[in-house]
PDB file of N, CA and C in Angstrom:
ATOM      1  N   MET A   1     -16.266 -18.459   8.138  1.00  0.00           N
ATOM      2  CA  MET A   1     -15.625 -17.999   6.925  1.00  0.00           C
ATOM      3  C   MET A   1     -16.086 -16.598   6.551  1.00  0.00           C
ATOM      4  N   THR A   2     -17.390 -16.333   6.701  1.00  0.00           N
ATOM      5  CA  THR A   2     -17.900 -15.023   6.301  1.00  0.00           C
ATOM      6  C   THR A   2     -17.411 -13.929   7.247  1.00  0.00           C
ATOM      7  N   GLY A   3     -17.149 -14.265   8.489  1.00  0.00           N
ATOM      8  CA  GLY A   3     -16.651 -13.272   9.434  1.00  0.00           C
ATOM      9  C   GLY A   3     -15.222 -12.861   9.152  1.00  0.00           C
ATOM     10  N   LEU A   4     -14.522 -13.683   8.379  1.00  0.00           N
ATOM     11  CA  LEU A   4     -13.127 -13.388   8.052  1.00  0.00           C
ATOM     12  C   LEU A   4     -12.965 -12.853   6.637  1.00  0.00           C
ATOM     13  N   PHE A   5     -14.049 -12.417   6.017  1.00  0.00           N
ATOM     14  CA  PHE A   5     -13.987 -11.933   4.638  1.00  0.00           C
ATOM     15  C   PHE A   5     -13.020 -10.767   4.486  1.00  0.00           C
ATOM     16  N   GLY A   6     -13.002  -9.855   5.442  1.00  0.00           N
ATOM     17  CA  GLY A   6     -12.094  -8.712   5.375  1.00  0.00           C
ATOM     18  C   GLY A   6     -10.632  -9.133   5.373  1.00  0.00           C
ATOM     19  N   TYR A   7     -10.329 -10.138   6.179  1.00  0.00           N
ATOM     20  CA  TYR A   7      -8.944 -10.612   6.242  1.00  0.00           C
ATOM     21  C   TYR A   7      -8.550 -11.349   4.970  1.00  0.00           C
ATOM     22  N   TRP A   8      -9.490 -12.110   4.384  1.00  0.00           N
ATOM     23  CA  TRP A   8      -9.200 -12.775   3.111  1.00  0.00           C
ATOM     24  C   TRP A   8      -8.991 -11.753   2.008  1.00  0.00           C
ATOM     25  N   THR A   9      -9.733 -10.649   2.086  1.00  0.00           N
ATOM     26  CA  THR A   9      -9.547  -9.563   1.123  1.00  0.00           C
ATOM     27  C   THR A   9      -8.153  -8.967   1.267  1.00  0.00           C
ATOM     28  N   VAL A  10      -7.713  -8.774   2.496  1.00  0.00           N
ATOM     29  CA  VAL A  10      -6.373  -8.243   2.741  1.00  0.00           C
ATOM     30  C   VAL A  10      -5.313  -9.199   2.191  1.00  0.00           C
ATOM     31  N   ILE A  11      -5.471 -10.484   2.442  1.00  0.00           N
ATOM     32  CA  ILE A  11      -4.498 -11.474   1.960  1.00  0.00           C
ATOM     33  C   ILE A  11      -4.452 -11.490   0.438  1.00  0.00           C
ATOM     34  N   ALA A  12      -5.627 -11.455  -0.209  1.00  0.00           N
ATOM     35  CA  ALA A  12      -5.670 -11.459  -1.671  1.00  0.00           C
ATOM     36  C   ALA A  12      -5.035 -10.194  -2.244  1.00  0.00           C
ATOM     37  N   THR A  13      -5.327  -9.050  -1.648  1.00  0.00           N
ATOM     38  CA  THR A  13      -4.752  -7.794  -2.125  1.00  0.00           C
ATOM     39  C   THR A  13      -3.242  -7.779  -1.934  1.00  0.00           C
ATOM     40  N   LEU A  14      -2.778  -8.287  -0.812  1.00  0.00           N
ATOM     41  CA  LEU A  14      -1.345  -8.367  -0.561  1.00  0.00           C
ATOM     42  C   LEU A  14      -0.666  -9.292  -1.566  1.00  0.00           C
ATOM     43  N   ALA A  15      -1.281 -10.424  -1.846  1.00  0.00           N
ATOM     44  CA  ALA A  15      -0.713 -11.368  -2.813  1.00  0.00           C
ATOM     45  C   ALA A  15      -0.667 -10.758  -4.214  1.00  0.00           C
ATOM     46  N   ILE A  16      -1.699 -10.046  -4.594  1.00  0.00           N
ATOM     47  CA  ILE A  16      -1.713  -9.396  -5.911  1.00  0.00           C
ATOM     48  C   ILE A  16      -0.604  -8.357  -6.000  1.00  0.00           C
ATOM     49  N   GLY A  17      -0.447  -7.550  -4.958  1.00  0.00           N
ATOM     50  CA  GLY A  17       0.604  -6.536  -4.960  1.00  0.00           C
ATOM     51  C   GLY A  17       1.994  -7.141  -5.028  1.00  0.00           C
ATOM     52  N   LEU A  18       2.216  -8.210  -4.257  1.00  0.00           N
ATOM     53  CA  LEU A  18       3.525  -8.871  -4.303  1.00  0.00           C
ATOM     54  C   LEU A  18       3.780  -9.482  -5.671  1.00  0.00           C
ATOM     55  N   TYR A  19       2.759 -10.071  -6.281  1.00  0.00           N
ATOM     56  CA  TYR A  19       2.913 -10.638  -7.616  1.00  0.00           C
ATOM     57  C   TYR A  19       3.290  -9.551  -8.627  1.00  0.00           C
ATOM     58  N   ILE A  20       2.627  -8.425  -8.557  1.00  0.00           N
ATOM     59  CA  ILE A  20       2.933  -7.324  -9.475  1.00  0.00           C
ATOM     60  C   ILE A  20       4.379  -6.880  -9.302  1.00  0.00           C
ATOM     61  N   MET A  21       4.826  -6.777  -8.071  1.00  0.00           N
ATOM     62  CA  MET A  21       6.196  -6.321  -7.829  1.00  0.00           C
ATOM     63  C   MET A  21       7.229  -7.334  -8.296  1.00  0.00           C
ATOM     64  N   ILE A  22       6.952  -8.621  -8.144  1.00  0.00           N
ATOM     65  CA  ILE A  22       7.933  -9.650  -8.484  1.00  0.00           C
ATOM     66  C   ILE A  22       7.903  -9.996  -9.973  1.00  0.00           C
ATOM     67  N   ALA A  23       6.731 -10.060 -10.569  1.00  0.00           N
ATOM     68  CA  ALA A  23       6.598 -10.595 -11.926  1.00  0.00           C
ATOM     69  C   ALA A  23       6.934  -9.594 -13.026  1.00  0.00           C
ATOM     70  N   HIS A  24       6.857  -8.320 -12.752  1.00  0.00           N
ATOM     71  CA  HIS A  24       7.046  -7.328 -13.803  1.00  0.00           C
ATOM     72  C   HIS A  24       8.402  -6.644 -13.680  1.00  0.00           C
ATOM     73  N   GLY A  25       9.009  -6.369 -14.816  1.00  0.00           N
ATOM     74  CA  GLY A  25      10.298  -5.692 -14.848  1.00  0.00           C
ATOM     75  C   GLY A  25      10.175  -4.195 -15.044  1.00  0.00           C
ATOM     76  N   ASN A  26       8.974  -3.728 -15.369  1.00  0.00           N
ATOM     77  CA  ASN A  26       8.746  -2.308 -15.571  1.00  0.00           C
ATOM     78  C   ASN A  26       8.709  -1.615 -14.208  1.00  0.00           C
ATOM     79  N   LEU A  27       9.486  -0.542 -14.073  1.00  0.00           N
ATOM     80  CA  LEU A  27       9.593   0.125 -12.772  1.00  0.00           C
ATOM     81  C   LEU A  27       8.293   0.798 -12.344  1.00  0.00           C
ATOM     82  N   VAL A  28       7.531   1.317 -13.296  1.00  0.00           N
ATOM     83  CA  VAL A  28       6.249   1.946 -12.946  1.00  0.00           C
ATOM     84  C   VAL A  28       5.288   0.887 -12.404  1.00  0.00           C
ATOM     85  N   LYS A  29       5.300  -0.293 -13.016  1.00  0.00           N
ATOM     86  CA  LYS A  29       4.436  -1.375 -12.521  1.00  0.00           C
ATOM     87  C   LYS A  29       4.865  -1.816 -11.130  1.00  0.00           C
ATOM     88  N   LYS A  30       6.149  -1.769 -10.842  1.00  0.00           N
ATOM     89  CA  LYS A  30       6.618  -2.108  -9.495  1.00  0.00           C
ATOM     90  C   LYS A  30       6.113  -1.090  -8.471  1.00  0.00           C
ATOM     91  N   VAL A  31       6.091   0.182  -8.841  1.00  0.00           N
ATOM     92  CA  VAL A  31       5.559   1.211  -7.940  1.00  0.00           C
ATOM     93  C   VAL A  31       4.063   0.998  -7.722  1.00  0.00           C
ATOM     94  N   ILE A  32       3.352   0.623  -8.772  1.00  0.00           N
ATOM     95  CA  ILE A  32       1.922   0.326  -8.631  1.00  0.00           C
ATOM     96  C   ILE A  32       1.724  -0.867  -7.700  1.00  0.00           C
ATOM     97  N   GLY A  33       2.552  -1.909  -7.851  1.00  0.00           N
ATOM     98  CA  GLY A  33       2.480  -3.059  -6.951  1.00  0.00           C
ATOM     99  C   GLY A  33       2.745  -2.669  -5.508  1.00  0.00           C
ATOM    100  N   LEU A  34       3.705  -1.775  -5.303  1.00  0.00           N
ATOM    101  CA  LEU A  34       3.991  -1.275  -3.952  1.00  0.00           C
ATOM    102  C   LEU A  34       2.783  -0.544  -3.380  1.00  0.00           C
ATOM    103  N   ASN A  35       2.087   0.214  -4.206  1.00  0.00           N
ATOM    104  CA  ASN A  35       0.883   0.906  -3.741  1.00  0.00           C
ATOM    105  C   ASN A  35      -0.239  -0.068  -3.410  1.00  0.00           C
ATOM    106  N   VAL A  36      -0.335  -1.165  -4.152  1.00  0.00           N
ATOM    107  CA  VAL A  36      -1.353  -2.184  -3.844  1.00  0.00           C
ATOM    108  C   VAL A  36      -1.035  -2.853  -2.506  1.00  0.00           C
ATOM    109  N   VAL A  37       0.238  -3.135  -2.259  1.00  0.00           N
ATOM    110  CA  VAL A  37       0.640  -3.707  -0.963  1.00  0.00           C
ATOM    111  C   VAL A  37       0.318  -2.727   0.165  1.00  0.00           C
ATOM    112  N   GLN A  38       0.582  -1.450  -0.069  1.00  0.00           N
ATOM    113  CA  GLN A  38       0.266  -0.438   0.937  1.00  0.00           C
ATOM    114  C   GLN A  38      -1.235  -0.409   1.215  1.00  0.00           C
ATOM    115  N   THR A  39      -2.031  -0.546   0.180  1.00  0.00           N
ATOM    116  CA  THR A  39      -3.487  -0.573   0.358  1.00  0.00           C
ATOM    117  C   THR A  39      -3.913  -1.775   1.198  1.00  0.00           C
ATOM    118  N   ALA A  40      -3.268  -2.912   0.992  1.00  0.00           N
ATOM    119  CA  ALA A  40      -3.581  -4.103   1.799  1.00  0.00           C
ATOM    120  C   ALA A  40      -3.268  -3.863   3.270  1.00  0.00           C
ATOM    121  N   VAL A  41      -2.143  -3.233   3.540  1.00  0.00           N
ATOM    122  CA  VAL A  41      -1.773  -2.953   4.931  1.00  0.00           C
ATOM    123  C   VAL A  41      -2.763  -1.973   5.562  1.00  0.00           C
ATOM    124  N   ILE A  42      -3.154  -0.969   4.808  1.00  0.00           N
ATOM    125  CA  ILE A  42      -4.124   0.004   5.331  1.00  0.00           C
ATOM    126  C   ILE A  42      -5.460  -0.685   5.612  1.00  0.00           C
ATOM    127  N   LEU A  43      -5.916  -1.544   4.708  1.00  0.00           N
ATOM    128  CA  LEU A  43      -7.157  -2.294   4.943  1.00  0.00           C
ATOM    129  C   LEU A  43      -7.054  -3.156   6.195  1.00  0.00           C
ATOM    130  N   PHE A  44      -5.894  -3.770   6.399  1.00  0.00           N
ATOM    131  CA  PHE A  44      -5.705  -4.612   7.569  1.00  0.00           C
ATOM    132  C   PHE A  44      -5.829  -3.810   8.858  1.00  0.00           C
ATOM    133  N   TYR A  45      -5.140  -2.685   8.931  1.00  0.00           N
ATOM    134  CA  TYR A  45      -5.189  -1.889  10.154  1.00  0.00           C
ATOM    135  C   TYR A  45      -6.570  -1.301  10.402  1.00  0.00           C
ATOM    136  N   VAL A  46      -7.224  -0.845   9.352  1.00  0.00           N
ATOM    137  CA  VAL A  46      -8.550  -0.268   9.537  1.00  0.00           C
ATOM    138  C   VAL A  46      -9.549  -1.353   9.938  1.00  0.00           C
ATOM    139  N   SER A  47      -9.370  -2.574   9.434  1.00  0.00           N
ATOM    140  CA  SER A  47     -10.325  -3.641   9.744  1.00  0.00           C
ATOM    141  C   SER A  47     -10.299  -4.024  11.220  1.00  0.00           C
ATOM    142  N   PHE A  48      -9.132  -4.032  11.852  1.00  0.00           N
ATOM    143  CA  PHE A  48      -9.179  -4.392  13.269  1.00  0.00           C
ATOM    144  C   PHE A  48      -9.342  -3.170  14.173  1.00  0.00           C
ATOM    145  N   GLY A  49      -9.415  -1.985  13.593  1.00  0.00           N
ATOM    146  CA  GLY A  49      -9.694  -0.799  14.392  1.00  0.00           C
ATOM    147  C   GLY A  49     -11.185  -0.598  14.629  1.00  0.00           C
ATOM    148  N   LYS A  50     -12.004  -1.211  13.779  1.00  0.00           N
ATOM    149  CA  LYS A  50     -13.455  -1.087  13.910  1.00  0.00           C
ATOM    150  C   LYS A  50     -14.004  -2.222  14.748  1.00  0.00           C
ATOM    151  N   VAL A  51     -14.784  -1.880  15.755  1.00  0.00           N
ATOM    152  CA  VAL A  51     -15.422  -2.855  16.632  1.00  0.00           C
ATOM    153  C   VAL A  51     -16.894  -2.943  16.244  1.00  0.00           C
ATOM    154  N   HIS A  52     -17.388  -4.170  16.048  1.00  0.00           N
ATOM    155  CA  HIS A  52     -18.780  -4.352  15.673  1.00  0.00           C
ATOM    156  C   HIS A  52     -19.697  -3.805  16.773  1.00  0.00           C
ATOM    157  N   GLY A  53     -20.551  -2.883  16.390  1.00  0.00           N
ATOM    158  CA  GLY A  53     -21.465  -2.279  17.359  1.00  0.00           C
ATOM    159  C   GLY A  53     -20.857  -1.105  18.101  1.00  0.00           C
ATOM    160  N   GLY A  54     -19.602  -0.805  17.826  1.00  0.00           N
ATOM    161  CA  GLY A  54     -18.937   0.306  18.506  1.00  0.00           C
ATOM    162  C   GLY A  54     -19.224   1.634  17.834  1.00  0.00           C
ATOM    163  N   THR A  55     -19.093   2.679  18.600  1.00  0.00           N
ATOM    164  CA  THR A  55     -19.310   4.022  18.069  1.00  0.00           C
ATOM    165  C   THR A  55     -18.029   4.827  18.224  1.00  0.00           C
ATOM    166  N   ALA A  56     -18.089   6.068  17.787  1.00  0.00           N
ATOM    167  CA  ALA A  56     -16.950   6.962  17.954  1.00  0.00           C
ATOM    168  C   ALA A  56     -16.701   7.163  19.447  1.00  0.00           C
ATOM    169  N   PRO A  57     -15.446   7.355  19.835  1.00  0.00           N
ATOM    170  CA  PRO A  57     -15.157   7.470  21.274  1.00  0.00           C
ATOM    171  C   PRO A  57     -15.578   8.819  21.847  1.00  0.00           C
ATOM    172  N   ILE A  58     -16.884   9.017  21.926  1.00  0.00           N
ATOM    173  CA  ILE A  58     -17.450  10.217  22.525  1.00  0.00           C
ATOM    174  C   ILE A  58     -18.089   9.789  23.836  1.00  0.00           C
ATOM    175  N   LEU A  59     -17.628  10.366  24.914  1.00  0.00           N
ATOM    176  CA  LEU A  59     -18.136   9.963  26.228  1.00  0.00           C
ATOM    177  C   LEU A  59     -19.590  10.393  26.391  1.00  0.00           C
ATOM    178  N   ASP A  60     -20.420   9.394  26.502  1.00  0.00           N
ATOM    179  CA  ASP A  60     -21.839   9.625  26.691  1.00  0.00           C
ATOM    180  C   ASP A  60     -22.401   8.404  27.413  1.00  0.00           C
ATOM    181  N   GLU A  61     -23.419   8.605  28.209  1.00  0.00           N
ATOM    182  CA  GLU A  61     -23.986   7.509  28.977  1.00  0.00           C
ATOM    183  C   GLU A  61     -24.719   6.502  28.093  1.00  0.00           C
ATOM    184  N   ARG A  62     -25.116   6.897  26.891  1.00  0.00           N
ATOM    185  CA  ARG A  62     -25.864   5.992  26.008  1.00  0.00           C
ATOM    186  C   ARG A  62     -24.950   4.958  25.347  1.00  0.00           C
ATOM    187  N   PHE A  63     -23.652   5.231  25.264  1.00  0.00           N
ATOM    188  CA  PHE A  63     -22.738   4.345  24.546  1.00  0.00           C
ATOM    189  C   PHE A  63     -21.882   3.556  25.518  1.00  0.00           C
ATOM    190  N   GLU A  64     -21.704   2.270  25.217  1.00  0.00           N
ATOM    191  CA  GLU A  64     -20.876   1.418  26.061  1.00  0.00           C
ATOM    192  C   GLU A  64     -19.677   0.843  25.306  1.00  0.00           C
ATOM    193  N   ILE A  65     -19.833   0.630  23.995  1.00  0.00           N
ATOM    194  CA  ILE A  65     -18.768   0.031  23.192  1.00  0.00           C
ATOM    195  C   ILE A  65     -18.228   1.097  22.231  1.00  0.00           C
ATOM    196  N   TYR A  66     -16.915   1.244  22.240  1.00  0.00           N
ATOM    197  CA  TYR A  66     -16.274   2.253  21.403  1.00  0.00           C
ATOM    198  C   TYR A  66     -15.289   1.602  20.443  1.00  0.00           C
ATOM    199  N   SER A  67     -15.168   2.187  19.265  1.00  0.00           N
ATOM    200  CA  SER A  67     -14.148   1.762  18.311  1.00  0.00           C
ATOM    201  C   SER A  67     -12.873   2.539  18.597  1.00  0.00           C
ATOM    202  N   ASN A  68     -11.747   1.901  18.352  1.00  0.00           N
ATOM    203  CA  ASN A  68     -10.456   2.545  18.577  1.00  0.00           C
ATOM    204  C   ASN A  68     -10.127   3.438  17.383  1.00  0.00           C
ATOM    205  N   PRO A  69      -9.960   4.750  17.587  1.00  0.00           N
ATOM    206  CA  PRO A  69      -9.672   5.640  16.459  1.00  0.00           C
ATOM    207  C   PRO A  69      -8.193   5.672  16.065  1.00  0.00           C
ATOM    208  N   LEU A  70      -7.311   5.115  16.882  1.00  0.00           N
ATOM    209  CA  LEU A  70      -5.881   5.215  16.613  1.00  0.00           C
ATOM    210  C   LEU A  70      -5.460   4.561  15.290  1.00  0.00           C
ATOM    211  N   PRO A  71      -5.915   3.348  14.952  1.00  0.00           N
ATOM    212  CA  PRO A  71      -5.513   2.780  13.655  1.00  0.00           C
ATOM    213  C   PRO A  71      -5.941   3.636  12.468  1.00  0.00           C
ATOM    214  N   HIS A  72      -7.110   4.247  12.566  1.00  0.00           N
ATOM    215  CA  HIS A  72      -7.583   5.082  11.471  1.00  0.00           C
ATOM    216  C   HIS A  72      -6.718   6.326  11.317  1.00  0.00           C
ATOM    217  N   VAL A  73      -6.341   6.916  12.417  1.00  0.00           N
ATOM    218  CA  VAL A  73      -5.484   8.106  12.375  1.00  0.00           C
ATOM    219  C   VAL A  73      -4.100   7.751  11.847  1.00  0.00           C
ATOM    220  N   LEU A  74      -3.563   6.625  12.288  1.00  0.00           N
ATOM    221  CA  LEU A  74      -2.253   6.206  11.802  1.00  0.00           C
ATOM    222  C   LEU A  74      -2.289   5.899  10.305  1.00  0.00           C
ATOM    223  N   MET A  75      -3.394   5.368   9.823  1.00  0.00           N
ATOM    224  CA  MET A  75      -3.481   5.052   8.401  1.00  0.00           C
ATOM    225  C   MET A  75      -3.638   6.303   7.556  1.00  0.00           C
ATOM    226  N   LEU A  76      -4.221   7.358   8.098  1.00  0.00           N
ATOM    227  CA  LEU A  76      -4.221   8.638   7.386  1.00  0.00           C
ATOM    228  C   LEU A  76      -2.789   9.121   7.184  1.00  0.00           C
ATOM    229  N   THR A  77      -1.973   8.973   8.209  1.00  0.00           N
ATOM    230  CA  THR A  77      -0.562   9.328   8.088  1.00  0.00           C
ATOM    231  C   THR A  77       0.133   8.417   7.085  1.00  0.00           C
ATOM    232  N   ALA A  78      -0.187   7.140   7.086  1.00  0.00           N
ATOM    233  CA  ALA A  78       0.418   6.198   6.145  1.00  0.00           C
ATOM    234  C   ALA A  78       0.041   6.539   4.704  1.00  0.00           C
ATOM    235  N   ILE A  79      -1.168   7.004   4.484  1.00  0.00           N
ATOM    236  CA  ILE A  79      -1.583   7.406   3.139  1.00  0.00           C
ATOM    237  C   ILE A  79      -0.756   8.589   2.661  1.00  0.00           C
ATOM    238  N   VAL A  80      -0.551   9.563   3.529  1.00  0.00           N
ATOM    239  CA  VAL A  80       0.260  10.731   3.158  1.00  0.00           C
ATOM    240  C   VAL A  80       1.694  10.322   2.861  1.00  0.00           C
ATOM    241  N   VAL A  81       2.261   9.467   3.687  1.00  0.00           N
ATOM    242  CA  VAL A  81       3.629   8.989   3.455  1.00  0.00           C
ATOM    243  C   VAL A  81       3.686   8.173   2.166  1.00  0.00           C
ATOM    244  N   GLY A  82       2.663   7.373   1.891  1.00  0.00           N
ATOM    245  CA  GLY A  82       2.623   6.587   0.668  1.00  0.00           C
ATOM    246  C   GLY A  82       2.562   7.457  -0.583  1.00  0.00           C
ATOM    247  N   VAL A  83       1.794   8.533  -0.532  1.00  0.00           N
ATOM    248  CA  VAL A  83       1.728   9.450  -1.672  1.00  0.00           C
ATOM    249  C   VAL A  83       3.084  10.104  -1.898  1.00  0.00           C
ATOM    250  N   ALA A  84       3.739  10.519  -0.824  1.00  0.00           N
ATOM    251  CA  ALA A  84       5.063  11.136  -0.955  1.00  0.00           C
ATOM    252  C   ALA A  84       6.086  10.132  -1.489  1.00  0.00           C
ATOM    253  N   THR A  85       6.035   8.902  -1.001  1.00  0.00           N
ATOM    254  CA  THR A  85       6.944   7.861  -1.480  1.00  0.00           C
ATOM    255  C   THR A  85       6.710   7.573  -2.957  1.00  0.00           C
ATOM    256  N   THR A  86       5.461   7.520  -3.366  1.00  0.00           N
ATOM    257  CA  THR A  86       5.139   7.298  -4.774  1.00  0.00           C
ATOM    258  C   THR A  86       5.669   8.443  -5.634  1.00  0.00           C
ATOM    259  N   ALA A  87       5.521   9.663  -5.169  1.00  0.00           N
ATOM    260  CA  ALA A  87       6.017  10.807  -5.932  1.00  0.00           C
ATOM    261  C   ALA A  87       7.529  10.747  -6.099  1.00  0.00           C
ATOM    262  N   VAL A  88       8.244  10.412  -5.042  1.00  0.00           N
ATOM    263  CA  VAL A  88       9.703  10.301  -5.128  1.00  0.00           C
ATOM    264  C   VAL A  88      10.106   9.155  -6.045  1.00  0.00           C
ATOM    265  N   ALA A  89       9.412   8.021  -5.936  1.00  0.00           N
ATOM    266  CA  ALA A  89       9.731   6.871  -6.796  1.00  0.00           C
ATOM    267  C   ALA A  89       9.503   7.212  -8.259  1.00  0.00           C
ATOM    268  N   LEU A  90       8.417   7.893  -8.572  1.00  0.00           N
ATOM    269  CA  LEU A  90       8.151   8.260  -9.957  1.00  0.00           C
ATOM    270  C   LEU A  90       9.161   9.286 -10.466  1.00  0.00           C
ATOM    271  N   ALA A  91       9.583  10.196  -9.593  1.00  0.00           N
ATOM    272  CA  ALA A  91      10.623  11.153  -9.989  1.00  0.00           C
ATOM    273  C   ALA A  91      11.940  10.425 -10.288  1.00  0.00           C
ATOM    274  N   LEU A  92      12.273   9.435  -9.477  1.00  0.00           N
ATOM    275  CA  LEU A  92      13.480   8.644  -9.744  1.00  0.00           C
ATOM    276  C   LEU A  92      13.352   7.849 -11.041  1.00  0.00           C
ATOM    277  N   ILE A  93      12.161   7.341 -11.321  1.00  0.00           N
ATOM    278  CA  ILE A  93      11.953   6.606 -12.566  1.00  0.00           C
ATOM    279  C   ILE A  93      12.141   7.530 -13.772  1.00  0.00           C
ATOM    280  N   VAL A  94      11.684   8.757 -13.657  1.00  0.00           N
ATOM    281  CA  VAL A  94      11.900   9.726 -14.742  1.00  0.00           C
ATOM    282  C   VAL A  94      13.384   9.952 -14.964  1.00  0.00           C
ATOM    283  N   ARG A  95      14.151  10.092 -13.883  1.00  0.00           N
ATOM    284  CA  ARG A  95      15.609  10.286 -14.015  1.00  0.00           C
ATOM    285  C   ARG A  95      16.279   9.043 -14.604  1.00  0.00           C
ATOM    286  N   ILE A  96      15.819   7.857 -14.218  1.00  0.00           N
ATOM    287  CA  ILE A  96      16.365   6.623 -14.788  1.00  0.00           C
ATOM    288  C   ILE A  96      16.071   6.564 -16.280  1.00  0.00           C
ATOM    289  N   TRP A  97      14.863   6.943 -16.678  1.00  0.00           N
ATOM    290  CA  TRP A  97      14.517   6.947 -18.094  1.00  0.00           C
ATOM    291  C   TRP A  97      15.376   7.937 -18.868  1.00  0.00           C
ATOM    292  N   GLU A  98      15.640   9.093 -18.279  1.00  0.00           N
ATOM    293  CA  GLU A  98      16.503  10.074 -18.940  1.00  0.00           C
ATOM    294  C   GLU A  98      17.933   9.553 -19.081  1.00  0.00           C
ATOM    295  N   SER A  99      18.397   8.795 -18.110  1.00  0.00           N
ATOM    296  CA  SER A  99      19.772   8.291 -18.143  1.00  0.00           C
ATOM    297  C   SER A  99      19.932   7.070 -19.037  1.00  0.00           C
ATOM    298  N   TYR A 100      18.990   6.155 -18.999  1.00  0.00           N
ATOM    299  CA  TYR A 100      19.130   4.878 -19.696  1.00  0.00           C
ATOM    300  C   TYR A 100      18.226   4.734 -20.914  1.00  0.00           C
ATOM    301  N   GLY A 101      17.236   5.579 -21.043  1.00  0.00           N
ATOM    302  CA  GLY A 101      16.321   5.474 -22.174  1.00  0.00           C
ATOM    303  C   GLY A 101      15.308   4.356 -22.024  1.00  0.00           C
ATOM    304  N   SER A 102      15.186   3.773 -20.848  1.00  0.00           N
ATOM    305  CA  SER A 102      14.245   2.681 -20.606  1.00  0.00           C
ATOM    306  C   SER A 102      13.916   2.615 -19.116  1.00  0.00           C
ATOM    307  N   ILE A 103      12.756   2.036 -18.837  1.00  0.00           N
ATOM    308  CA  ILE A 103      12.394   1.811 -17.435  1.00  0.00           C
ATOM    309  C   ILE A 103      12.193   0.326 -17.162  1.00  0.00           C
ATOM    310  N   GLU A 104      12.685  -0.510 -18.063  1.00  0.00           N
ATOM    311  CA  GLU A 104      12.669  -1.958 -17.873  1.00  0.00           C
ATOM    312  C   GLU A 104      13.946  -2.388 -17.153  1.00  0.00           C
ATOM    313  N   GLU A 105      13.798  -3.227 -16.129  1.00  0.00           N
ATOM    314  CA  GLU A 105      14.960  -3.676 -15.344  1.00  0.00           C
ATOM    315  C   GLU A 105      16.020  -4.341 -16.204  1.00  0.00           C
ATOM    316  N   ASP A 106      15.604  -5.208 -17.116  1.00  0.00           N
ATOM    317  CA  ASP A 106      16.562  -5.942 -17.949  1.00  0.00           C
ATOM    318  C   ASP A 106      17.393  -4.994 -18.813  1.00  0.00           C
ATOM    319  N   ASP A 107      16.743  -3.978 -19.381  1.00  0.00           N
ATOM    320  CA  ASP A 107      17.468  -3.021 -20.212  1.00  0.00           C
ATOM    321  C   ASP A 107      18.465  -2.211 -19.389  1.00  0.00           C
ATOM    322  N   ILE A 108      18.097  -1.848 -18.172  1.00  0.00           N
ATOM    323  CA  ILE A 108      18.983  -1.063 -17.315  1.00  0.00           C
ATOM    324  C   ILE A 108      20.186  -1.893 -16.896  1.00  0.00           C
ATOM    325  N   VAL A 109      19.964  -3.148 -16.516  1.00  0.00           N
ATOM    326  CA  VAL A 109      21.065  -4.028 -16.125  1.00  0.00           C
ATOM    327  C   VAL A 109      21.989  -4.268 -17.315  1.00  0.00           C
ATOM    328  N   ARG A 110      21.414  -4.489 -18.484  1.00  0.00           N
ATOM    329  CA  ARG A 110      22.204  -4.697 -19.695  1.00  0.00           C
ATOM    330  C   ARG A 110      23.046  -3.457 -20.020  1.00  0.00           C
ATOM    331  N   ALA A 111      22.468  -2.267 -19.851  1.00  0.00           N
ATOM    332  CA  ALA A 111      23.206  -1.031 -20.126  1.00  0.00           C
ATOM    333  C   ALA A 111      24.334  -0.844 -19.122  1.00  0.00           C
ATOM    334  N   GLU A 112      24.115  -1.250 -17.871  1.00  0.00           N
ATOM    335  CA  GLU A 112      25.163  -1.144 -16.852  1.00  0.00           C
ATOM    336  C   GLU A 112      26.300  -2.104 -17.133  1.00  0.00           C
ATOM    337  N   LEU A 113      25.991  -3.285 -17.638  1.00  0.00           N
ATOM    338  CA  LEU A 113      27.024  -4.273 -17.921  1.00  0.00           C
ATOM    339  C   LEU A 113      27.883  -3.860 -19.119  1.00  0.00           C
ATOM    340  N   VAL A 114      27.298  -3.163 -20.086  1.00  0.00           N
ATOM    341  CA  VAL A 114      28.025  -2.719 -21.266  1.00  0.00           C
ATOM    342  C   VAL A 114      29.021  -1.627 -20.905  1.00  0.00           C
ATOM    343  N   GLU A 115      28.645  -0.765 -19.985  1.00  0.00           N
ATOM    344  CA  GLU A 115      29.523   0.360 -19.617  1.00  0.00           C
ATOM    345  C   GLU A 115      30.669  -0.072 -18.819  1.00  0.00           C
TER     346      GLU A 115
END
């Protein structure tokens, strides 16, 4: 059980993010939930990229076990894409607020039905 603590952390973080996205009608809270889910995915990839007892992949006769650097590099790219996605989502939320006067899903749907 203790060896799987990282994976349980990923599962809990993913569940929290999904709950935030599903349970709340506020669009900003949904973006925050999406960021929590993204954090869970990043934790997952980084956790299996690290090998216990492994070092950086520097060729040397003293080292025999190496950690794979590819998941870490890919997650750096995922962080940049996540920041850009968050910025676009927040910009869209600002435009929705300007158009509808609210960022609650129920209010937006109600305003669409009236028109």
